Amino acid sequence: MTLTILKWVVPAILVILLAAAAMTKKTFHVETVIPASPAAVWAVLTDTESYPDWNPVFVAVEGEYRLGATVKNSVRFPDGTTVDMSAKIKGFEEGRELRQYGGTWGLMTFDHQWLLEPVEGGTRVIQHEVDRGLILWTWNSDWIEPAYHSVLDALEKRVAETQDG
């Protein structure tokens, strides 16, 4: 009797957890307008070697941004610790979109996009991310949008420096 119950209960619990993991998500979205062309913004975003010089969150990127490539991002958390995360480039449209995807399905995945759109006065720059997985039930992600705003500020400053120099 106990084996029969376990035979059905354990798989049912696993199915419920997997469904919950797939449905649990958090979305982060920040944007700004940078007074520069999409090409100028794109040049800074895709210069992975310069990230340590300007980016306060993605403090290092190893690899080249191109469709299908895998890169390693070193991400700085608010307490100063850094974590390396591998990401696959799932979207790469010159001057418009850079999309990175990574993580472990069920536990936590991220789908991070940089989107550039020409607008009057410059380029609308959007960081949009969707995270999914069970870890989101306990993880405090309140720092992400403020940190992404700081990245946009730093990006704007870096673009201005590259245009002045």
C-alpha atoms as a PDB file:
ATOM      1  CA  MET A   1       0.000   0.000   0.000  1.00  0.00           C
ATOM      2  CA  THR A   2       2.745   2.463   0.952  1.00  0.00           C
ATOM      3  CA  LEU A   3       4.660   1.700  -2.233  1.00  0.00           C
ATOM      4  CA  THR A   4       1.531   2.255  -4.301  1.00  0.00           C
ATOM      5  CA  ILE A   5       0.956   5.643  -2.682  1.00  0.00           C
ATOM      6  CA  LEU A   6       4.595   6.637  -3.174  1.00  0.00           C
ATOM      7  CA  LYS A   7       4.436   5.429  -6.769  1.00  0.00           C
ATOM      8  CA  TRP A   8       1.740   8.039  -7.482  1.00  0.00           C
ATOM      9  CA  VAL A   9       2.407  10.797  -4.940  1.00  0.00           C
ATOM     10  CA  VAL A  10       6.094  11.390  -5.663  1.00  0.00           C
ATOM     11  CA  PRO A  11       5.612  11.795  -9.442  1.00  0.00           C
ATOM     12  CA  ALA A  12       2.578  14.007  -8.826  1.00  0.00           C
ATOM     13  CA  ILE A  13       4.604  16.264  -6.535  1.00  0.00           C
ATOM     14  CA  LEU A  14       7.390  16.440  -9.123  1.00  0.00           C
ATOM     15  CA  VAL A  15       4.927  17.375 -11.858  1.00  0.00           C
ATOM     16  CA  ILE A  16       3.440  20.093  -9.652  1.00  0.00           C
ATOM     17  CA  LEU A  17       6.907  21.499  -8.851  1.00  0.00           C
ATOM     18  CA  LEU A  18       7.910  21.476 -12.519  1.00  0.00           C
ATOM     19  CA  ALA A  19       4.700  23.233 -13.498  1.00  0.00           C
ATOM     20  CA  ALA A  20       5.202  25.793 -10.746  1.00  0.00           C
ATOM     21  CA  ALA A  21       8.792  26.357 -11.884  1.00  0.00           C
ATOM     22  CA  ALA A  22       7.652  26.938 -15.455  1.00  0.00           C
ATOM     23  CA  MET A  23       4.932  29.373 -14.398  1.00  0.00           C
ATOM     24  CA  THR A  24       6.931  31.334 -11.803  1.00  0.00           C
ATOM     25  CA  LYS A  25       8.464  34.406 -13.399  1.00  0.00           C
ATOM     26  CA  LYS A  26       9.662  37.903 -12.651  1.00  0.00           C
ATOM     27  CA  THR A  27      10.023  40.586 -15.285  1.00  0.00           C
ATOM     28  CA  PHE A  28      12.431  43.521 -15.095  1.00  0.00           C
ATOM     29  CA  HIS A  29      12.283  46.473 -17.478  1.00  0.00           C
ATOM     30  CA  VAL A  30      14.249  49.710 -17.586  1.00  0.00           C
ATOM     31  CA  GLU A  31      14.755  52.164 -20.405  1.00  0.00           C
ATOM     32  CA  THR A  32      16.185  55.530 -21.244  1.00  0.00           C
ATOM     33  CA  VAL A  33      16.965  57.695 -24.269  1.00  0.00           C
ATOM     34  CA  ILE A  34      20.645  58.224 -24.957  1.00  0.00           C
ATOM     35  CA  PRO A  35      21.475  61.238 -27.161  1.00  0.00           C
ATOM     36  CA  ALA A  36      23.463  59.236 -29.695  1.00  0.00           C
ATOM     37  CA  SER A  37      22.855  57.047 -32.703  1.00  0.00           C
ATOM     38  CA  PRO A  38      21.991  53.355 -32.340  1.00  0.00           C
ATOM     39  CA  ALA A  39      25.348  52.597 -34.010  1.00  0.00           C
ATOM     40  CA  ALA A  40      27.242  54.510 -31.301  1.00  0.00           C
ATOM     41  CA  VAL A  41      25.335  52.750 -28.499  1.00  0.00           C
ATOM     42  CA  TRP A  42      25.732  49.376 -30.212  1.00  0.00           C
ATOM     43  CA  ALA A  43      29.486  49.878 -30.528  1.00  0.00           C
ATOM     44  CA  VAL A  44      29.795  50.251 -26.757  1.00  0.00           C
ATOM     45  CA  LEU A  45      27.413  47.391 -25.953  1.00  0.00           C
ATOM     46  CA  THR A  46      29.210  44.920 -28.191  1.00  0.00           C
ATOM     47  CA  ASP A  47      32.747  45.879 -27.109  1.00  0.00           C
ATOM     48  CA  THR A  48      32.966  43.116 -24.516  1.00  0.00           C
ATOM     49  CA  GLU A  49      36.576  43.918 -23.631  1.00  0.00           C
ATOM     50  CA  SER A  50      35.601  47.384 -22.338  1.00  0.00           C
ATOM     51  CA  TYR A  51      32.893  46.229 -19.893  1.00  0.00           C
ATOM     52  CA  PRO A  52      35.223  46.358 -16.856  1.00  0.00           C
ATOM     53  CA  ASP A  53      35.880  50.036 -17.668  1.00  0.00           C
ATOM     54  CA  TRP A  54      32.287  51.208 -17.501  1.00  0.00           C
ATOM     55  CA  ASN A  55      29.658  48.625 -16.534  1.00  0.00           C
ATOM     56  CA  PRO A  56      28.825  48.501 -12.796  1.00  0.00           C
ATOM     57  CA  VAL A  57      26.824  45.234 -12.991  1.00  0.00           C
ATOM     58  CA  PHE A  58      28.189  43.216 -15.901  1.00  0.00           C
ATOM     59  CA  VAL A  59      31.760  43.821 -14.823  1.00  0.00           C
ATOM     60  CA  ALA A  60      33.340  41.444 -17.331  1.00  0.00           C
ATOM     61  CA  VAL A  61      32.283  39.552 -20.436  1.00  0.00           C
ATOM     62  CA  GLU A  62      34.357  36.751 -21.926  1.00  0.00           C
ATOM     63  CA  GLY A  63      33.555  35.871 -25.492  1.00  0.00           C
ATOM     64  CA  GLU A  64      32.144  37.569 -28.521  1.00  0.00           C
ATOM     65  CA  TYR A  65      28.565  38.643 -29.001  1.00  0.00           C
ATOM     66  CA  ARG A  66      27.293  36.819 -32.074  1.00  0.00           C
ATOM     67  CA  LEU A  67      24.276  34.648 -32.737  1.00  0.00           C
ATOM     68  CA  GLY A  68      24.690  31.169 -31.248  1.00  0.00           C
ATOM     69  CA  ALA A  69      27.818  32.020 -29.249  1.00  0.00           C
ATOM     70  CA  THR A  70      28.202  31.381 -25.537  1.00  0.00           C
ATOM     71  CA  VAL A  71      29.643  34.131 -23.356  1.00  0.00           C
ATOM     72  CA  LYS A  72      30.569  34.254 -19.689  1.00  0.00           C
ATOM     73  CA  ASN A  73      29.238  37.272 -17.814  1.00  0.00           C
ATOM     74  CA  SER A  74      30.657  38.279 -14.446  1.00  0.00           C
ATOM     75  CA  VAL A  75      27.775  39.892 -12.571  1.00  0.00           C
ATOM     76  CA  ARG A  76      28.386  42.091  -9.521  1.00  0.00           C
ATOM     77  CA  PHE A  77      25.731  41.899  -6.824  1.00  0.00           C
ATOM     78  CA  PRO A  78      24.947  44.826  -4.501  1.00  0.00           C
ATOM     79  CA  ASP A  79      27.110  43.324  -1.718  1.00  0.00           C
ATOM     80  CA  GLY A  80      30.140  43.422  -4.046  1.00  0.00           C
ATOM     81  CA  THR A  81      30.341  39.696  -4.737  1.00  0.00           C
ATOM     82  CA  THR A  82      30.536  38.554  -8.329  1.00  0.00           C
ATOM     83  CA  VAL A  83      29.054  35.478  -9.944  1.00  0.00           C
ATOM     84  CA  ASP A  84      29.975  34.091 -13.339  1.00  0.00           C
ATOM     85  CA  MET A  85      27.031  33.132 -15.524  1.00  0.00           C
ATOM     86  CA  SER A  86      27.171  31.532 -18.937  1.00  0.00           C
ATOM     87  CA  ALA A  87      24.721  32.793 -21.505  1.00  0.00           C
ATOM     88  CA  LYS A  88      23.861  31.712 -25.023  1.00  0.00           C
ATOM     89  CA  ILE A  89      23.284  34.493 -27.543  1.00  0.00           C
ATOM     90  CA  LYS A  90      19.742  33.798 -28.775  1.00  0.00           C
ATOM     91  CA  GLY A  91      19.174  37.093 -30.568  1.00  0.00           C
ATOM     92  CA  PHE A  92      21.663  39.314 -32.336  1.00  0.00           C
ATOM     93  CA  GLU A  93      20.487  41.939 -34.761  1.00  0.00           C
ATOM     94  CA  GLU A  94      23.121  44.568 -35.470  1.00  0.00           C
ATOM     95  CA  GLY A  95      22.203  47.905 -33.910  1.00  0.00           C
ATOM     96  CA  ARG A  96      18.846  46.634 -32.598  1.00  0.00           C
ATOM     97  CA  GLU A  97      18.883  43.573 -30.342  1.00  0.00           C
ATOM     98  CA  LEU A  98      21.207  41.555 -28.152  1.00  0.00           C
ATOM     99  CA  ARG A  99      19.455  38.701 -26.338  1.00  0.00           C
ATOM    100  CA  GLN A 100      21.147  36.382 -23.851  1.00  0.00           C
ATOM    101  CA  TYR A 101      19.646  33.274 -22.291  1.00  0.00           C
ATOM    102  CA  GLY A 102      21.027  31.074 -19.538  1.00  0.00           C
ATOM    103  CA  GLY A 103      20.511  29.314 -16.261  1.00  0.00           C
ATOM    104  CA  THR A 104      19.137  25.940 -15.251  1.00  0.00           C
ATOM    105  CA  TRP A 105      15.585  25.143 -16.274  1.00  0.00           C
ATOM    106  CA  GLY A 106      13.311  24.640 -13.295  1.00  0.00           C
ATOM    107  CA  LEU A 107      15.665  26.275 -10.815  1.00  0.00           C
ATOM    108  CA  MET A 108      16.268  29.626 -12.496  1.00  0.00           C
ATOM    109  CA  THR A 109      16.669  30.876 -16.044  1.00  0.00           C
ATOM    110  CA  PHE A 110      17.175  34.362 -17.401  1.00  0.00           C
ATOM    111  CA  ASP A 111      16.281  35.865 -20.749  1.00  0.00           C
ATOM    112  CA  HIS A 112      18.027  39.252 -20.903  1.00  0.00           C
ATOM    113  CA  GLN A 113      17.577  41.630 -23.827  1.00  0.00           C
ATOM    114  CA  TRP A 114      19.158  44.855 -24.903  1.00  0.00           C
ATOM    115  CA  LEU A 115      16.860  46.587 -27.373  1.00  0.00           C
ATOM    116  CA  LEU A 116      17.808  49.734 -29.302  1.00  0.00           C
ATOM    117  CA  GLU A 117      15.317  51.896 -31.127  1.00  0.00           C
ATOM    118  CA  PRO A 118      16.043  55.140 -32.967  1.00  0.00           C
ATOM    119  CA  VAL A 119      13.894  57.989 -31.624  1.00  0.00           C
ATOM    120  CA  GLU A 120      13.903  61.737 -31.874  1.00  0.00           C
ATOM    121  CA  GLY A 121      16.901  62.929 -29.897  1.00  0.00           C
ATOM    122  CA  GLY A 122      18.849  59.670 -29.974  1.00  0.00           C
ATOM    123  CA  THR A 123      18.305  56.027 -29.154  1.00  0.00           C
ATOM    124  CA  ARG A 124      15.806  54.435 -26.817  1.00  0.00           C
ATOM    125  CA  VAL A 125      17.789  51.791 -24.912  1.00  0.00           C
ATOM    126  CA  ILE A 126      15.829  49.070 -23.160  1.00  0.00           C
ATOM    127  CA  GLN A 127      16.991  46.345 -20.840  1.00  0.00           C
ATOM    128  CA  HIS A 128      14.264  43.745 -20.498  1.00  0.00           C
ATOM    129  CA  GLU A 129      14.668  40.515 -18.578  1.00  0.00           C
ATOM    130  CA  VAL A 130      12.397  37.635 -17.690  1.00  0.00           C
ATOM    131  CA  ASP A 131      13.576  35.242 -14.992  1.00  0.00           C
ATOM    132  CA  ARG A 132      11.831  31.926 -14.334  1.00  0.00           C
ATOM    133  CA  GLY A 133      12.142  29.108 -11.820  1.00  0.00           C
ATOM    134  CA  LEU A 134      11.695  27.894  -8.292  1.00  0.00           C
ATOM    135  CA  ILE A 135      14.533  30.010  -6.862  1.00  0.00           C
ATOM    136  CA  LEU A 136      12.397  33.091  -7.506  1.00  0.00           C
ATOM    137  CA  TRP A 137      10.164  32.035  -4.605  1.00  0.00           C
ATOM    138  CA  THR A 138      12.937  32.905  -2.131  1.00  0.00           C
ATOM    139  CA  TRP A 139      15.320  35.193  -4.011  1.00  0.00           C
ATOM    140  CA  ASN A 140      15.179  38.920  -3.286  1.00  0.00           C
ATOM    141  CA  SER A 141      15.448  40.564  -6.697  1.00  0.00           C
ATOM    142  CA  ASP A 142      14.566  44.107  -5.563  1.00  0.00           C
ATOM    143  CA  TRP A 143      18.049  45.284  -6.521  1.00  0.00           C
ATOM    144  CA  ILE A 144      17.851  44.370 -10.204  1.00  0.00           C
ATOM    145  CA  GLU A 145      15.916  47.297 -11.698  1.00  0.00           C
ATOM    146  CA  PRO A 146      17.895  49.938  -9.751  1.00  0.00           C
ATOM    147  CA  ALA A 147      21.114  48.195 -10.814  1.00  0.00           C
ATOM    148  CA  TYR A 148      19.972  48.120 -14.437  1.00  0.00           C
ATOM    149  CA  HIS A 149      19.205  51.854 -14.213  1.00  0.00           C
ATOM    150  CA  SER A 150      22.803  52.389 -13.064  1.00  0.00           C
ATOM    151  CA  VAL A 151      23.978  50.384 -16.094  1.00  0.00           C
ATOM    152  CA  LEU A 152      21.953  52.640 -18.409  1.00  0.00           C
ATOM    153  CA  ASP A 153      23.472  55.723 -16.756  1.00  0.00           C
ATOM    154  CA  ALA A 154      26.966  54.275 -17.147  1.00  0.00           C
ATOM    155  CA  LEU A 155      26.242  53.320 -20.762  1.00  0.00           C
ATOM    156  CA  GLU A 156      25.132  56.858 -21.567  1.00  0.00           C
ATOM    157  CA  LYS A 157      28.306  58.251 -20.021  1.00  0.00           C
ATOM    158  CA  ARG A 158      30.499  55.748 -21.889  1.00  0.00           C
ATOM    159  CA  VAL A 159      28.817  56.485 -25.233  1.00  0.00           C
ATOM    160  CA  ALA A 160      29.386  60.214 -24.661  1.00  0.00           C
ATOM    161  CA  GLU A 161      33.063  59.563 -23.856  1.00  0.00           C
ATOM    162  CA  THR A 162      33.557  57.522 -27.013  1.00  0.00           C
ATOM    163  CA  GLN A 163      31.980  60.253 -29.119  1.00  0.00           C
ATOM    164  CA  ASP A 164      34.083  62.992 -27.521  1.00  0.00           C
ATOM    165  CA  GLY A 165      37.319  61.061 -27.956  1.00  0.00           C
END
